N, C-alpha and C. Protein backbone atom coordinates (compact mmCIF):
# COMPACT_ATOMS: atom_id res chain seq x y z
N MET A 1 -65.92 -51.69 81.29
CA MET A 1 -64.53 -51.33 81.33
C MET A 1 -63.85 -52.20 82.29
N GLY A 2 -62.88 -52.92 81.87
CA GLY A 2 -62.14 -53.82 82.70
C GLY A 2 -60.89 -53.16 83.32
N ILE A 3 -60.25 -53.89 84.19
CA ILE A 3 -59.09 -53.34 84.84
C ILE A 3 -57.91 -53.07 83.82
N GLN A 4 -57.87 -53.93 82.84
CA GLN A 4 -56.83 -53.69 81.82
C GLN A 4 -57.05 -52.43 81.02
N ASP A 5 -58.28 -52.07 80.76
CA ASP A 5 -58.63 -50.86 80.08
C ASP A 5 -58.24 -49.64 80.99
N ILE A 6 -58.49 -49.73 82.29
CA ILE A 6 -58.07 -48.66 83.19
C ILE A 6 -56.60 -48.52 83.23
N ILE A 7 -55.85 -49.60 83.33
CA ILE A 7 -54.44 -49.53 83.33
C ILE A 7 -53.85 -48.94 82.06
N GLU A 8 -54.37 -49.35 80.95
CA GLU A 8 -53.98 -48.88 79.63
C GLU A 8 -54.30 -47.35 79.52
N GLY A 9 -55.43 -46.93 80.01
CA GLY A 9 -55.80 -45.56 79.96
C GLY A 9 -54.83 -44.71 80.79
N LYS A 10 -54.44 -45.19 81.97
CA LYS A 10 -53.47 -44.51 82.81
C LYS A 10 -52.11 -44.40 82.17
N LYS A 11 -51.73 -45.44 81.50
CA LYS A 11 -50.39 -45.42 80.78
C LYS A 11 -50.40 -44.39 79.70
N GLN A 12 -51.51 -44.32 78.93
CA GLN A 12 -51.63 -43.40 77.87
C GLN A 12 -51.61 -41.94 78.42
N TRP A 13 -52.37 -41.74 79.52
CA TRP A 13 -52.46 -40.42 80.16
C TRP A 13 -51.06 -39.97 80.68
N ARG A 14 -50.33 -40.88 81.26
CA ARG A 14 -48.99 -40.56 81.78
C ARG A 14 -48.03 -40.21 80.60
N ALA A 15 -48.12 -40.95 79.51
CA ALA A 15 -47.30 -40.70 78.35
C ALA A 15 -47.68 -39.35 77.78
N HIS A 16 -48.94 -39.02 77.77
CA HIS A 16 -49.41 -37.70 77.29
C HIS A 16 -48.80 -36.59 78.16
N LEU A 17 -48.88 -36.77 79.45
CA LEU A 17 -48.36 -35.72 80.41
C LEU A 17 -46.79 -35.61 80.28
N ALA A 18 -46.15 -36.65 79.96
CA ALA A 18 -44.70 -36.65 79.75
C ALA A 18 -44.38 -35.79 78.52
N ARG A 19 -45.23 -35.91 77.49
CA ARG A 19 -44.98 -35.08 76.27
C ARG A 19 -45.26 -33.58 76.60
N VAL A 20 -46.24 -33.30 77.41
CA VAL A 20 -46.46 -31.93 77.85
C VAL A 20 -45.30 -31.35 78.66
N LYS A 21 -44.72 -32.18 79.55
CA LYS A 21 -43.64 -31.70 80.37
C LYS A 21 -42.38 -31.51 79.54
N ALA A 22 -42.29 -32.12 78.40
CA ALA A 22 -41.09 -31.97 77.51
C ALA A 22 -41.17 -30.64 76.72
N LEU A 23 -42.36 -29.99 76.72
CA LEU A 23 -42.48 -28.71 76.04
C LEU A 23 -41.82 -27.59 76.83
N PRO A 24 -41.45 -26.51 76.16
CA PRO A 24 -40.88 -25.31 76.85
C PRO A 24 -41.93 -24.79 77.82
N PRO A 25 -41.42 -24.03 78.85
CA PRO A 25 -42.33 -23.59 79.98
C PRO A 25 -43.55 -22.73 79.46
N ASP A 26 -43.33 -21.88 78.43
CA ASP A 26 -44.46 -21.04 77.98
C ASP A 26 -45.57 -21.97 77.31
N TYR A 27 -45.14 -22.95 76.64
CA TYR A 27 -46.10 -23.87 76.02
C TYR A 27 -46.80 -24.64 77.09
N GLN A 28 -46.11 -25.07 78.14
CA GLN A 28 -46.75 -25.85 79.20
C GLN A 28 -47.84 -24.99 79.92
N ILE A 29 -47.52 -23.71 80.15
CA ILE A 29 -48.50 -22.82 80.80
C ILE A 29 -49.74 -22.73 79.95
N VAL A 30 -49.58 -22.45 78.69
CA VAL A 30 -50.71 -22.31 77.80
C VAL A 30 -51.46 -23.62 77.71
N TYR A 31 -50.81 -24.76 77.56
CA TYR A 31 -51.44 -26.02 77.53
C TYR A 31 -52.31 -26.27 78.77
N LYS A 32 -51.75 -25.98 79.91
CA LYS A 32 -52.55 -26.16 81.17
C LYS A 32 -53.78 -25.22 81.20
N GLU A 33 -53.63 -24.05 80.65
CA GLU A 33 -54.81 -23.20 80.61
C GLU A 33 -55.83 -23.73 79.63
N ILE A 34 -55.42 -24.23 78.51
CA ILE A 34 -56.29 -24.87 77.54
C ILE A 34 -57.01 -26.07 78.16
N GLN A 35 -56.21 -26.92 78.80
CA GLN A 35 -56.78 -28.11 79.43
C GLN A 35 -57.82 -27.70 80.50
N LYS A 36 -57.53 -26.75 81.32
CA LYS A 36 -58.43 -26.28 82.37
C LYS A 36 -59.74 -25.78 81.76
N TYR A 37 -59.60 -25.00 80.66
CA TYR A 37 -60.79 -24.43 79.99
C TYR A 37 -61.63 -25.53 79.38
N LEU A 38 -61.01 -26.49 78.72
CA LEU A 38 -61.70 -27.56 78.07
C LEU A 38 -62.38 -28.49 79.09
N PHE A 39 -61.69 -28.77 80.20
CA PHE A 39 -62.32 -29.53 81.26
C PHE A 39 -63.57 -28.84 81.83
N LYS A 40 -63.50 -27.55 81.89
CA LYS A 40 -64.59 -26.78 82.42
C LYS A 40 -65.79 -26.75 81.46
N ILE A 41 -65.49 -26.53 80.19
CA ILE A 41 -66.54 -26.48 79.18
C ILE A 41 -67.10 -27.84 78.91
N GLY A 42 -66.23 -28.88 78.90
CA GLY A 42 -66.66 -30.25 78.81
C GLY A 42 -67.16 -30.75 77.45
N PRO A 43 -66.32 -30.67 76.43
CA PRO A 43 -66.73 -31.32 75.21
C PRO A 43 -66.84 -32.86 75.41
N ILE A 44 -67.84 -33.43 74.84
CA ILE A 44 -68.01 -34.86 75.04
C ILE A 44 -66.91 -35.67 74.39
N GLY A 45 -66.32 -36.58 75.01
CA GLY A 45 -65.23 -37.41 74.48
C GLY A 45 -63.86 -36.72 74.54
N LEU A 46 -63.71 -35.75 75.46
CA LEU A 46 -62.43 -35.04 75.50
C LEU A 46 -61.28 -35.97 75.84
N LEU A 47 -61.45 -36.84 76.89
CA LEU A 47 -60.37 -37.70 77.25
C LEU A 47 -60.12 -38.80 76.32
N ASP A 48 -61.13 -39.30 75.64
CA ASP A 48 -60.98 -40.47 74.75
C ASP A 48 -60.65 -40.01 73.37
N GLY A 49 -60.90 -38.76 72.99
CA GLY A 49 -60.72 -38.29 71.65
C GLY A 49 -59.33 -37.82 71.36
N PRO A 50 -59.17 -37.35 70.16
CA PRO A 50 -57.86 -36.86 69.69
C PRO A 50 -57.53 -35.41 69.98
N LEU A 51 -58.40 -34.70 70.71
CA LEU A 51 -58.26 -33.25 70.89
C LEU A 51 -56.99 -32.89 71.68
N LEU A 52 -56.86 -33.42 72.86
CA LEU A 52 -55.70 -33.06 73.69
C LEU A 52 -54.35 -33.54 73.08
N PRO A 53 -54.26 -34.82 72.58
CA PRO A 53 -53.03 -35.22 71.93
C PRO A 53 -52.75 -34.41 70.69
N GLY A 54 -53.79 -33.98 70.01
CA GLY A 54 -53.64 -33.16 68.77
C GLY A 54 -53.05 -31.78 69.15
N ILE A 55 -53.46 -31.22 70.27
CA ILE A 55 -52.92 -29.94 70.74
C ILE A 55 -51.43 -30.11 70.99
N VAL A 56 -51.04 -31.20 71.66
CA VAL A 56 -49.59 -31.44 71.95
C VAL A 56 -48.81 -31.59 70.68
N ASP A 57 -49.42 -32.34 69.69
CA ASP A 57 -48.75 -32.47 68.39
C ASP A 57 -48.52 -31.06 67.79
N PHE A 58 -49.54 -30.24 67.79
CA PHE A 58 -49.49 -28.92 67.24
C PHE A 58 -48.42 -28.07 67.95
N PHE A 59 -48.36 -28.15 69.26
CA PHE A 59 -47.35 -27.45 70.05
C PHE A 59 -45.96 -27.94 69.75
N GLU A 60 -45.82 -29.25 69.61
CA GLU A 60 -44.47 -29.81 69.28
C GLU A 60 -43.98 -29.32 67.92
N GLU A 61 -44.88 -29.23 66.98
CA GLU A 61 -44.52 -28.68 65.67
C GLU A 61 -44.10 -27.21 65.76
N GLY A 62 -44.82 -26.45 66.61
CA GLY A 62 -44.47 -25.01 66.85
C GLY A 62 -43.09 -24.91 67.46
N VAL A 63 -42.80 -25.79 68.42
CA VAL A 63 -41.46 -25.73 69.03
C VAL A 63 -40.41 -26.06 68.02
N ALA A 64 -40.66 -27.02 67.16
CA ALA A 64 -39.69 -27.50 66.13
C ALA A 64 -39.40 -26.36 65.15
N THR A 65 -40.38 -25.58 64.88
CA THR A 65 -40.16 -24.44 63.91
C THR A 65 -39.69 -23.17 64.58
N GLY A 66 -39.59 -23.21 65.92
CA GLY A 66 -39.06 -22.08 66.63
C GLY A 66 -40.05 -20.95 66.90
N ARG A 67 -41.29 -21.26 66.75
CA ARG A 67 -42.35 -20.20 66.94
C ARG A 67 -42.81 -20.17 68.38
N GLY A 68 -43.20 -19.06 68.87
CA GLY A 68 -43.74 -18.88 70.20
C GLY A 68 -45.16 -19.38 70.24
N VAL A 69 -45.60 -19.73 71.41
CA VAL A 69 -46.92 -20.35 71.56
C VAL A 69 -48.00 -19.34 71.19
N LEU A 70 -47.85 -18.10 71.49
CA LEU A 70 -48.90 -17.15 71.19
C LEU A 70 -48.91 -16.85 69.67
N GLU A 71 -47.76 -17.08 68.98
CA GLU A 71 -47.79 -16.97 67.52
C GLU A 71 -48.66 -18.04 66.92
N LEU A 72 -48.76 -19.19 67.57
CA LEU A 72 -49.49 -20.36 67.02
C LEU A 72 -50.98 -20.16 67.30
N ILE A 73 -51.31 -19.78 68.52
CA ILE A 73 -52.79 -19.76 68.89
C ILE A 73 -53.40 -18.41 68.96
N GLY A 74 -52.58 -17.30 69.00
CA GLY A 74 -53.07 -15.98 69.11
C GLY A 74 -53.16 -15.62 70.61
N PRO A 75 -53.55 -14.38 70.90
CA PRO A 75 -53.53 -13.87 72.24
C PRO A 75 -54.76 -14.33 73.06
N ASP A 76 -55.81 -14.89 72.39
CA ASP A 76 -57.01 -15.29 73.14
C ASP A 76 -57.07 -16.83 73.19
N VAL A 77 -56.69 -17.34 74.38
CA VAL A 77 -56.67 -18.75 74.60
C VAL A 77 -58.08 -19.32 74.55
N ALA A 78 -59.04 -18.67 75.20
CA ALA A 78 -60.43 -19.18 75.20
C ALA A 78 -60.96 -19.18 73.82
N GLY A 79 -60.68 -18.16 73.03
CA GLY A 79 -61.17 -18.12 71.62
C GLY A 79 -60.62 -19.22 70.81
N PHE A 80 -59.32 -19.56 71.02
CA PHE A 80 -58.71 -20.67 70.33
C PHE A 80 -59.41 -21.99 70.72
N CYS A 81 -59.71 -22.17 72.00
CA CYS A 81 -60.36 -23.35 72.49
C CYS A 81 -61.81 -23.46 71.88
N ASP A 82 -62.51 -22.32 71.89
CA ASP A 82 -63.86 -22.31 71.34
C ASP A 82 -63.88 -22.67 69.82
N ASP A 83 -62.89 -22.26 69.14
CA ASP A 83 -62.76 -22.60 67.71
C ASP A 83 -62.48 -24.11 67.54
N LEU A 84 -61.77 -24.65 68.44
CA LEU A 84 -61.44 -26.10 68.38
C LEU A 84 -62.71 -26.98 68.59
N ILE A 85 -63.56 -26.51 69.47
CA ILE A 85 -64.74 -27.37 69.82
C ILE A 85 -66.03 -26.85 69.32
N LYS A 86 -66.04 -25.93 68.36
CA LYS A 86 -67.24 -25.28 67.91
C LYS A 86 -68.24 -26.27 67.33
N ASP A 87 -67.79 -27.38 66.76
CA ASP A 87 -68.74 -28.33 66.19
C ASP A 87 -68.98 -29.50 67.09
N SER A 88 -68.38 -29.52 68.27
CA SER A 88 -68.55 -30.65 69.23
C SER A 88 -69.62 -30.32 70.27
N PRO A 89 -70.47 -31.29 70.53
CA PRO A 89 -71.45 -31.09 71.58
C PRO A 89 -70.73 -31.12 72.95
N THR A 90 -71.16 -30.26 73.86
CA THR A 90 -70.56 -30.18 75.18
C THR A 90 -71.57 -30.62 76.22
N TYR A 91 -71.08 -31.01 77.40
CA TYR A 91 -71.93 -31.35 78.52
C TYR A 91 -72.79 -30.20 78.90
N ALA A 92 -72.26 -29.04 78.83
CA ALA A 92 -73.01 -27.82 79.20
C ALA A 92 -74.23 -27.62 78.29
N GLU A 93 -74.06 -27.90 76.99
CA GLU A 93 -75.13 -27.77 76.05
C GLU A 93 -76.26 -28.84 76.30
N ILE A 94 -75.81 -30.04 76.63
CA ILE A 94 -76.75 -31.11 76.94
C ILE A 94 -77.55 -30.76 78.22
N TYR A 95 -76.82 -30.21 79.20
CA TYR A 95 -77.50 -29.80 80.43
C TYR A 95 -78.50 -28.72 80.13
N GLN A 96 -78.09 -27.69 79.35
CA GLN A 96 -78.98 -26.59 79.07
C GLN A 96 -80.27 -27.15 78.37
N LYS A 97 -80.13 -28.08 77.42
CA LYS A 97 -81.27 -28.62 76.75
C LYS A 97 -82.17 -29.40 77.72
N SER A 98 -81.57 -30.08 78.69
CA SER A 98 -82.34 -30.89 79.63
C SER A 98 -83.17 -30.02 80.56
N ILE A 99 -82.65 -28.82 80.93
CA ILE A 99 -83.44 -27.98 81.81
C ILE A 99 -84.32 -26.96 81.12
N SER A 100 -84.26 -26.93 79.77
CA SER A 100 -85.06 -25.97 79.03
C SER A 100 -86.42 -26.53 78.68
N GLY A 101 -86.72 -27.77 79.13
CA GLY A 101 -88.03 -28.40 78.85
C GLY A 101 -89.10 -27.73 79.68
N LYS A 102 -90.31 -28.10 79.40
CA LYS A 102 -91.45 -27.53 80.15
C LYS A 102 -91.40 -27.93 81.65
N PRO A 103 -91.90 -27.10 82.52
CA PRO A 103 -91.89 -27.46 83.91
C PRO A 103 -92.76 -28.69 84.15
N GLY A 104 -92.21 -29.57 85.01
CA GLY A 104 -92.92 -30.79 85.35
C GLY A 104 -92.68 -31.96 84.40
N THR A 105 -91.97 -31.72 83.38
CA THR A 105 -91.58 -32.79 82.46
C THR A 105 -90.11 -33.13 82.55
N ALA A 106 -89.79 -34.33 82.64
CA ALA A 106 -88.40 -34.74 82.76
C ALA A 106 -88.04 -35.41 81.47
N GLU A 107 -86.88 -35.00 80.88
CA GLU A 107 -86.36 -35.65 79.67
C GLU A 107 -85.34 -36.71 80.16
N LYS A 108 -85.30 -37.77 79.39
CA LYS A 108 -84.34 -38.82 79.71
C LYS A 108 -83.32 -38.93 78.64
């Protein structure tokens, strides 16, 4: 990864955050909770993939139709997130597999 890639990545992240800040306050709160949850669970490729921008797209459509954020995702934010990443491998799962081996054996 070169310096240009890092700079481009920062530009994209700042543009993403600007889109989040343009959402109504209730959407911003829920987005931040979703982001916190996903960063904690750790689906592989979260920052490079389409998941977070897709959530912002979904929220922008909800704002455009005049729906509340909880009408879109339901009352259970964690359940909504789990449904989004149900087919994605997570760092937590990889870690669990790595420590579930037999004692004295190291998996690479």
